Amino acid sequence: MRGEVALIREQGQDFAVLVVKNSVISNAQARDEMAEFGFREFGVRTALLSEDGRTWGDKDIVNWLEGVFLEQLPWREFSMA
């Protein structure tokens, strides 16, 4: 599996933003599985960002994401077998 993630430290809080396919945001089970994957893989709370710009996750992270330019986040690729 390959994807993009931004690992963020903001106001003393660490979290991840994981880019997912649009269909993941629309499917409750897939959302939960991807958020859990993000927590296991990166060790922090994980919000999801779909390819069409929709977000899902903890309200404080989602609210923070609404106020930033996504292009400025520290994106990096990750891969996992």
N, C-alpha and C. Protein backbone atom coordinates (compact mmCIF):
# COMPACT_ATOMS: atom_id res chain seq x y z
N MET A 1 0.85 -1.17 0.00
CA MET A 1 0.00 0.00 0.00
C MET A 1 0.89 1.23 0.00
N ARG A 2 0.55 2.19 -0.83
CA ARG A 2 1.27 3.45 -0.90
C ARG A 2 0.29 4.59 -0.69
N GLY A 3 0.77 5.67 -0.16
CA GLY A 3 -0.11 6.81 0.04
C GLY A 3 0.66 8.04 0.45
N GLU A 4 -0.09 9.08 0.80
CA GLU A 4 0.49 10.33 1.26
C GLU A 4 -0.03 10.65 2.66
N VAL A 5 0.87 11.15 3.47
CA VAL A 5 0.52 11.52 4.83
C VAL A 5 1.27 12.80 5.20
N ALA A 6 0.64 13.61 6.01
CA ALA A 6 1.30 14.77 6.61
C ALA A 6 1.30 14.55 8.11
N LEU A 7 2.46 14.58 8.71
CA LEU A 7 2.58 14.46 10.16
C LEU A 7 2.75 15.87 10.71
N ILE A 8 1.85 16.25 11.60
CA ILE A 8 1.73 17.63 12.06
C ILE A 8 1.95 17.72 13.57
N ARG A 9 2.63 18.77 13.97
CA ARG A 9 2.68 19.16 15.39
C ARG A 9 2.20 20.60 15.43
N GLU A 10 1.07 20.81 16.06
CA GLU A 10 0.46 22.15 16.12
C GLU A 10 -0.03 22.39 17.54
N GLN A 11 0.42 23.46 18.14
CA GLN A 11 0.02 23.84 19.49
C GLN A 11 0.20 22.68 20.47
N GLY A 12 1.33 21.98 20.34
CA GLY A 12 1.65 20.88 21.25
C GLY A 12 0.93 19.58 20.97
N GLN A 13 0.14 19.53 19.92
CA GLN A 13 -0.60 18.33 19.56
C GLN A 13 0.01 17.70 18.32
N ASP A 14 0.18 16.38 18.34
CA ASP A 14 0.67 15.64 17.19
C ASP A 14 -0.49 14.90 16.56
N PHE A 15 -0.56 14.95 15.23
CA PHE A 15 -1.59 14.21 14.52
C PHE A 15 -1.14 13.98 13.08
N ALA A 16 -1.84 13.11 12.39
CA ALA A 16 -1.55 12.81 11.00
C ALA A 16 -2.77 13.13 10.15
N VAL A 17 -2.49 13.51 8.90
CA VAL A 17 -3.55 13.69 7.91
C VAL A 17 -3.22 12.71 6.79
N LEU A 18 -4.12 11.78 6.55
CA LEU A 18 -3.91 10.71 5.59
C LEU A 18 -4.82 10.92 4.39
N VAL A 19 -4.25 10.95 3.20
CA VAL A 19 -5.04 11.11 1.98
C VAL A 19 -5.65 9.76 1.61
N VAL A 20 -6.97 9.77 1.35
CA VAL A 20 -7.68 8.54 1.01
C VAL A 20 -8.54 8.76 -0.23
N LYS A 21 -8.97 7.68 -0.83
CA LYS A 21 -9.89 7.76 -1.96
C LYS A 21 -11.24 8.31 -1.49
N ASN A 22 -11.97 8.93 -2.40
CA ASN A 22 -13.27 9.50 -2.07
C ASN A 22 -14.21 8.48 -1.44
N SER A 23 -14.15 7.24 -1.93
CA SER A 23 -15.06 6.20 -1.44
C SER A 23 -14.83 5.86 0.03
N VAL A 24 -13.63 6.08 0.53
CA VAL A 24 -13.35 5.77 1.94
C VAL A 24 -14.13 6.69 2.85
N ILE A 25 -14.19 7.97 2.52
CA ILE A 25 -14.92 8.94 3.35
C ILE A 25 -16.41 8.59 3.39
N SER A 26 -16.93 8.02 2.33
CA SER A 26 -18.36 7.71 2.24
C SER A 26 -18.74 6.40 2.93
N ASN A 27 -17.76 5.62 3.37
CA ASN A 27 -18.02 4.30 3.94
C ASN A 27 -17.54 4.27 5.39
N ALA A 28 -18.47 4.16 6.33
CA ALA A 28 -18.14 4.23 7.76
C ALA A 28 -17.11 3.19 8.17
N GLN A 29 -17.25 1.97 7.71
CA GLN A 29 -16.30 0.92 8.08
C GLN A 29 -14.91 1.23 7.52
N ALA A 30 -14.85 1.66 6.26
CA ALA A 30 -13.57 1.99 5.65
C ALA A 30 -12.91 3.17 6.36
N ARG A 31 -13.71 4.18 6.75
CA ARG A 31 -13.17 5.32 7.49
C ARG A 31 -12.53 4.87 8.79
N ASP A 32 -13.27 4.06 9.54
CA ASP A 32 -12.75 3.60 10.83
C ASP A 32 -11.48 2.79 10.65
N GLU A 33 -11.45 1.92 9.63
CA GLU A 33 -10.27 1.09 9.39
C GLU A 33 -9.06 1.94 9.01
N MET A 34 -9.25 2.96 8.19
CA MET A 34 -8.14 3.81 7.78
C MET A 34 -7.65 4.68 8.93
N ALA A 35 -8.54 5.18 9.75
CA ALA A 35 -8.13 5.97 10.92
C ALA A 35 -7.34 5.10 11.89
N GLU A 36 -7.79 3.86 12.08
CA GLU A 36 -7.07 2.92 12.95
C GLU A 36 -5.71 2.57 12.35
N PHE A 37 -5.66 2.37 11.03
CA PHE A 37 -4.38 2.12 10.36
C PHE A 37 -3.42 3.28 10.61
N GLY A 38 -3.91 4.50 10.44
CA GLY A 38 -3.07 5.68 10.67
C GLY A 38 -2.54 5.73 12.08
N PHE A 39 -3.37 5.42 13.05
CA PHE A 39 -2.92 5.43 14.44
C PHE A 39 -1.85 4.37 14.67
N ARG A 40 -2.09 3.16 14.16
CA ARG A 40 -1.10 2.08 14.32
C ARG A 40 0.21 2.41 13.61
N GLU A 41 0.11 2.92 12.39
CA GLU A 41 1.30 3.16 11.56
C GLU A 41 2.11 4.37 12.04
N PHE A 42 1.45 5.45 12.42
CA PHE A 42 2.14 6.70 12.73
C PHE A 42 2.11 7.06 14.21
N GLY A 43 1.32 6.34 15.01
CA GLY A 43 1.32 6.54 16.46
C GLY A 43 0.62 7.78 16.96
N VAL A 44 -0.21 8.40 16.10
CA VAL A 44 -0.92 9.62 16.50
C VAL A 44 -2.35 9.58 15.96
N ARG A 45 -3.19 10.44 16.52
CA ARG A 45 -4.55 10.55 15.99
C ARG A 45 -4.46 10.88 14.50
N THR A 46 -5.39 10.33 13.73
CA THR A 46 -5.32 10.48 12.29
C THR A 46 -6.64 10.99 11.73
N ALA A 47 -6.56 12.06 10.97
CA ALA A 47 -7.71 12.57 10.23
C ALA A 47 -7.55 12.12 8.78
N LEU A 48 -8.67 11.97 8.09
CA LEU A 48 -8.66 11.55 6.70
C LEU A 48 -9.03 12.71 5.80
N LEU A 49 -8.35 12.81 4.67
CA LEU A 49 -8.60 13.83 3.67
C LEU A 49 -8.83 13.11 2.35
N SER A 50 -10.04 13.23 1.79
CA SER A 50 -10.33 12.56 0.53
C SER A 50 -9.76 13.36 -0.64
N GLU A 51 -9.65 12.70 -1.77
CA GLU A 51 -9.09 13.34 -2.97
C GLU A 51 -9.91 14.55 -3.40
N ASP A 52 -11.21 14.57 -3.06
CA ASP A 52 -12.05 15.72 -3.44
C ASP A 52 -12.12 16.79 -2.33
N GLY A 53 -11.29 16.65 -1.30
CA GLY A 53 -11.18 17.69 -0.28
C GLY A 53 -12.04 17.51 0.96
N ARG A 54 -12.86 16.47 1.02
CA ARG A 54 -13.65 16.24 2.23
C ARG A 54 -12.76 15.70 3.33
N THR A 55 -13.10 16.02 4.58
CA THR A 55 -12.31 15.56 5.71
C THR A 55 -13.17 14.77 6.68
N TRP A 56 -12.51 13.95 7.46
CA TRP A 56 -13.18 13.17 8.50
C TRP A 56 -12.18 12.91 9.60
N GLY A 57 -12.63 13.04 10.83
CA GLY A 57 -11.78 12.75 11.98
C GLY A 57 -12.22 13.56 13.17
N ASP A 58 -11.33 13.65 14.15
CA ASP A 58 -11.62 14.44 15.35
C ASP A 58 -11.94 15.87 14.97
N LYS A 59 -12.96 16.41 15.59
CA LYS A 59 -13.47 17.74 15.25
C LYS A 59 -12.37 18.81 15.30
N ASP A 60 -11.50 18.74 16.32
CA ASP A 60 -10.47 19.77 16.43
C ASP A 60 -9.49 19.71 15.25
N ILE A 61 -9.17 18.53 14.77
CA ILE A 61 -8.27 18.41 13.62
C ILE A 61 -8.97 18.89 12.35
N VAL A 62 -10.21 18.45 12.16
CA VAL A 62 -10.97 18.85 10.97
C VAL A 62 -11.13 20.37 10.95
N ASN A 63 -11.45 20.97 12.07
CA ASN A 63 -11.58 22.43 12.13
C ASN A 63 -10.26 23.12 11.80
N TRP A 64 -9.16 22.58 12.30
CA TRP A 64 -7.85 23.16 12.01
C TRP A 64 -7.55 23.07 10.51
N LEU A 65 -7.86 21.92 9.90
CA LEU A 65 -7.60 21.73 8.47
C LEU A 65 -8.37 22.74 7.61
N GLU A 66 -9.55 23.15 8.05
CA GLU A 66 -10.34 24.12 7.29
C GLU A 66 -9.67 25.48 7.22
N GLY A 67 -8.74 25.75 8.13
CA GLY A 67 -8.09 27.06 8.17
C GLY A 67 -6.68 27.10 7.61
N VAL A 68 -6.23 26.01 6.98
CA VAL A 68 -4.86 25.99 6.44
C VAL A 68 -4.89 25.69 4.94
N PHE A 69 -3.83 26.08 4.27
CA PHE A 69 -3.66 25.70 2.87
C PHE A 69 -3.06 24.30 2.86
N LEU A 70 -3.79 23.35 2.31
CA LEU A 70 -3.35 21.96 2.33
C LEU A 70 -2.02 21.77 1.62
N GLU A 71 -1.74 22.60 0.63
CA GLU A 71 -0.49 22.50 -0.12
C GLU A 71 0.72 22.77 0.77
N GLN A 72 0.52 23.48 1.87
CA GLN A 72 1.63 23.85 2.73
C GLN A 72 1.93 22.80 3.80
N LEU A 73 1.11 21.77 3.90
CA LEU A 73 1.38 20.74 4.90
C LEU A 73 2.61 19.93 4.48
N PRO A 74 3.30 19.35 5.44
CA PRO A 74 4.53 18.59 5.14
C PRO A 74 4.22 17.18 4.61
N TRP A 75 3.73 17.10 3.40
CA TRP A 75 3.33 15.82 2.82
C TRP A 75 4.55 14.97 2.54
N ARG A 76 4.37 13.67 2.72
CA ARG A 76 5.39 12.71 2.34
C ARG A 76 4.71 11.41 1.93
N GLU A 77 5.40 10.66 1.11
CA GLU A 77 4.86 9.36 0.69
C GLU A 77 5.24 8.32 1.73
N PHE A 78 4.38 7.33 1.86
CA PHE A 78 4.71 6.18 2.69
C PHE A 78 4.33 4.93 1.92
N SER A 79 4.95 3.85 2.25
CA SER A 79 4.58 2.57 1.65
C SER A 79 4.61 1.51 2.72
N MET A 80 3.76 0.54 2.53
CA MET A 80 3.64 -0.55 3.49
C MET A 80 3.26 -1.80 2.73
N ALA A 81 3.84 -2.90 3.10
CA ALA A 81 3.54 -4.17 2.40
C ALA A 81 2.14 -4.64 2.68
